[in-house]
Amino acid sequence: MKGKTPAESKTIMTDMVLPGETNPLNNLFGGELLARMDRCAAIAARRHSRRIVVTASVNHVAFSRAVPLGSVVTVEAKVSRAFKTSMEVFIDVWIEDRESGSKNKANEGIYTFVAVDETGRPIEIPELIPETDLEKSRFAAALRRKQLSLLLSGKMKPSEATELKALFMEE
């Protein structure tokens, strides 16, 4: 199976925040943003695996800035690491300034997806080949996040978490 780059999974969705999607403060509901992020990330995961994908976990979401009514919101997702059947997808959320058109980062998230066959069984996916410095950084961090998750769930022994141990070992 031939490896793929993060660029091959890149997905960009742009939309406007409408009144029915806002809370009493006229900001986008957090759940609405999570749904947009999930859809964008699912497309990125499917582009990488070319398989049906299911959301396995929402590993991290940072609501750094409110997204006001009328904002133009861009959600960008790329696979940051592929494992045997699962993949981590990093999502950046941008708000476009109404007057200048410049984009400011508002939020980010990290989701994990599993590729499955038509019966719902996990299926092997291509490896990911990071190219840019940011992609390489996210790629390395993804393994540490996976080990931490496995460690906390009891599915990995502390002695097996080599990437996490390396963070704390003096050279």
Protein backbone atom coordinates (compact mmCIF):
# COMPACT_ATOMS: atom_id res chain seq x y z
CA MET A 1 0.00 0.00 0.00
CA LYS A 2 1.52 3.30 -1.09
CA GLY A 3 1.95 6.03 1.53
CA LYS A 4 0.27 9.40 1.20
CA THR A 5 1.14 12.94 2.25
CA PRO A 6 -1.00 15.16 4.48
CA ALA A 7 -1.63 17.42 1.47
CA GLU A 8 -3.52 14.57 -0.20
CA SER A 9 -6.08 14.59 2.63
CA LYS A 10 -6.39 18.37 3.00
CA THR A 11 -10.00 19.44 3.25
CA ILE A 12 -11.26 23.03 3.47
CA MET A 13 -14.87 23.95 4.26
CA THR A 14 -16.01 27.58 4.34
CA ASP A 15 -19.42 28.70 5.55
CA MET A 16 -21.19 31.61 7.20
CA VAL A 17 -22.62 31.65 10.73
CA LEU A 18 -26.39 32.08 10.52
CA PRO A 19 -28.87 33.17 13.26
CA GLY A 20 -30.26 29.66 13.88
CA GLU A 21 -26.74 28.42 14.73
CA THR A 22 -26.02 30.89 17.51
CA ASN A 23 -26.45 31.08 21.27
CA PRO A 24 -28.07 34.01 23.18
CA LEU A 25 -24.77 35.94 22.86
CA ASN A 26 -25.01 35.67 19.06
CA ASN A 27 -21.96 33.41 18.85
CA LEU A 28 -21.81 30.05 17.08
CA PHE A 29 -22.89 27.16 19.31
CA GLY A 30 -19.90 25.04 20.34
CA GLY A 31 -21.75 21.90 19.27
CA GLU A 32 -22.37 23.36 15.82
CA LEU A 33 -18.67 24.08 15.45
CA LEU A 34 -17.82 20.54 16.63
CA ALA A 35 -20.16 19.11 13.98
CA ARG A 36 -18.51 21.20 11.25
CA MET A 37 -15.10 20.10 12.46
CA ASP A 38 -16.20 16.44 12.51
CA ARG A 39 -17.53 16.59 8.94
CA CYS A 40 -14.39 18.27 7.62
CA ALA A 41 -12.11 15.86 9.47
CA ALA A 42 -14.14 12.85 8.25
CA ILE A 43 -13.65 13.95 4.65
CA ALA A 44 -9.90 14.32 5.24
CA ALA A 45 -9.75 10.85 6.83
CA ARG A 46 -11.71 9.35 3.96
CA ARG A 47 -9.43 11.01 1.42
CA HIS A 48 -6.43 9.44 3.13
CA SER A 49 -7.87 5.95 3.56
CA ARG A 50 -10.33 5.83 0.64
CA ARG A 51 -12.53 3.87 3.03
CA ILE A 52 -15.59 4.46 5.17
CA VAL A 53 -14.44 6.19 8.36
CA VAL A 54 -15.99 6.53 11.78
CA THR A 55 -15.12 9.01 14.50
CA ALA A 56 -13.33 7.10 17.27
CA SER A 57 -12.58 10.03 19.56
CA VAL A 58 -12.38 13.76 19.93
CA ASN A 59 -8.96 14.04 21.52
CA HIS A 60 -8.68 17.77 21.91
CA VAL A 61 -10.72 20.88 21.16
CA ALA A 62 -9.68 24.42 22.03
CA PHE A 63 -12.35 27.09 21.87
CA SER A 64 -9.94 30.03 21.84
CA ARG A 65 -12.22 32.66 20.32
CA ALA A 66 -15.96 33.10 19.96
CA VAL A 67 -17.30 32.91 16.41
CA PRO A 68 -19.84 35.75 16.02
CA LEU A 69 -23.04 35.76 13.98
CA GLY A 70 -22.32 36.57 10.34
CA SER A 71 -18.71 35.40 10.49
CA VAL A 72 -17.17 33.58 7.58
CA VAL A 73 -15.65 30.45 9.11
CA THR A 74 -13.10 28.21 7.41
CA VAL A 75 -12.41 24.75 8.79
CA GLU A 76 -9.22 23.08 7.52
CA ALA A 77 -8.40 19.44 8.24
CA LYS A 78 -5.46 17.19 7.36
CA VAL A 79 -4.44 13.74 8.50
CA SER A 80 -1.54 14.23 10.93
CA ARG A 81 -0.65 10.56 11.46
CA ALA A 82 -1.85 7.19 10.22
CA PHE A 83 -1.57 4.06 12.32
CA LYS A 84 -2.67 0.55 11.30
CA THR A 85 -6.41 1.21 10.97
CA SER A 86 -6.79 4.58 12.68
CA MET A 87 -5.68 8.06 11.83
CA GLU A 88 -5.37 11.32 13.70
CA VAL A 89 -6.75 14.41 11.97
CA PHE A 90 -5.70 17.92 13.01
CA ILE A 91 -8.30 20.64 12.45
CA ASP A 92 -7.72 24.41 12.34
CA VAL A 93 -10.64 26.85 12.46
CA TRP A 94 -10.24 30.34 11.02
CA ILE A 95 -12.46 33.45 11.12
CA GLU A 96 -12.23 35.87 8.24
CA ASP A 97 -12.07 39.56 9.15
CA ARG A 98 -15.07 41.25 7.50
CA GLU A 99 -13.16 44.34 6.42
CA SER A 100 -9.60 43.24 5.66
CA GLY A 101 -10.32 39.65 4.59
CA SER A 102 -7.43 38.40 6.73
CA LYS A 103 -7.90 35.11 8.57
CA ASN A 104 -7.34 34.69 12.30
CA LYS A 105 -7.16 31.33 14.02
CA ALA A 106 -10.12 30.87 16.31
CA ASN A 107 -10.06 27.22 17.34
CA GLU A 108 -8.40 23.88 16.76
CA GLY A 109 -9.10 20.24 17.37
CA ILE A 110 -7.69 16.76 17.04
CA TYR A 111 -9.98 13.88 16.13
CA THR A 112 -9.26 10.19 15.63
CA PHE A 113 -10.98 8.15 12.93
CA VAL A 114 -10.95 4.45 12.15
CA ALA A 115 -11.28 3.15 8.60
CA VAL A 116 -13.77 0.31 8.29
CA ASP A 117 -15.03 -2.05 5.61
CA GLU A 118 -18.69 -2.43 4.62
CA THR A 119 -19.36 -4.63 7.66
CA GLY A 120 -17.86 -2.11 10.10
CA ARG A 121 -14.62 -4.03 10.72
CA PRO A 122 -11.41 -1.97 10.95
CA ILE A 123 -9.31 -2.10 7.80
CA GLU A 124 -5.64 -1.29 7.15
CA ILE A 125 -4.80 2.15 5.76
CA PRO A 126 -1.81 3.73 3.99
CA GLU A 127 1.04 5.22 6.01
CA LEU A 128 1.38 9.01 6.21
CA ILE A 129 4.49 10.72 4.91
CA PRO A 130 4.80 14.21 6.46
CA GLU A 131 6.62 16.83 4.37
CA THR A 132 6.62 20.24 6.07
CA ASP A 133 8.08 21.08 9.48
CA LEU A 134 4.57 21.57 10.89
CA GLU A 135 3.43 18.22 9.47
CA LYS A 136 6.50 16.50 10.95
CA SER A 137 5.87 18.11 14.34
CA ARG A 138 2.20 17.06 14.36
CA PHE A 139 3.19 13.57 13.15
CA ALA A 140 5.61 13.08 16.07
CA ALA A 141 3.17 14.50 18.62
CA ALA A 142 0.41 12.16 17.40
CA LEU A 143 2.34 9.10 18.55
CA ARG A 144 2.79 10.60 22.02
CA ARG A 145 -0.93 11.39 22.21
CA LYS A 146 -1.81 7.84 21.14
CA GLN A 147 0.53 6.35 23.73
CA LEU A 148 -0.92 8.60 26.44
CA SER A 149 -4.45 7.57 25.49
CA LEU A 150 -3.53 3.87 25.52
CA LEU A 151 -1.71 4.28 28.83
CA LEU A 152 -4.65 6.06 30.50
CA SER A 153 -7.12 3.45 29.22
CA GLY A 154 -4.97 0.61 30.55
CA LYS A 155 -4.30 -0.77 27.07
CA MET A 156 -0.57 -0.07 27.28
CA LYS A 157 1.96 -0.65 30.03
CA PRO A 158 4.02 2.37 31.13
CA SER A 159 7.20 0.52 30.13
CA GLU A 160 5.90 0.30 26.53
CA ALA A 161 5.25 4.06 26.19
CA THR A 162 8.67 4.78 24.73
CA GLU A 163 7.80 8.14 23.17
CA LEU A 164 6.31 9.42 26.43
CA LYS A 165 9.25 8.17 28.49
CA ALA A 166 11.63 9.99 26.14
CA LEU A 167 10.00 13.28 27.13
CA PHE A 168 11.07 12.78 30.73
CA MET A 169 14.46 11.14 30.32
CA GLU A 170 17.56 13.25 30.63
CA GLU A 171 20.15 12.85 27.91
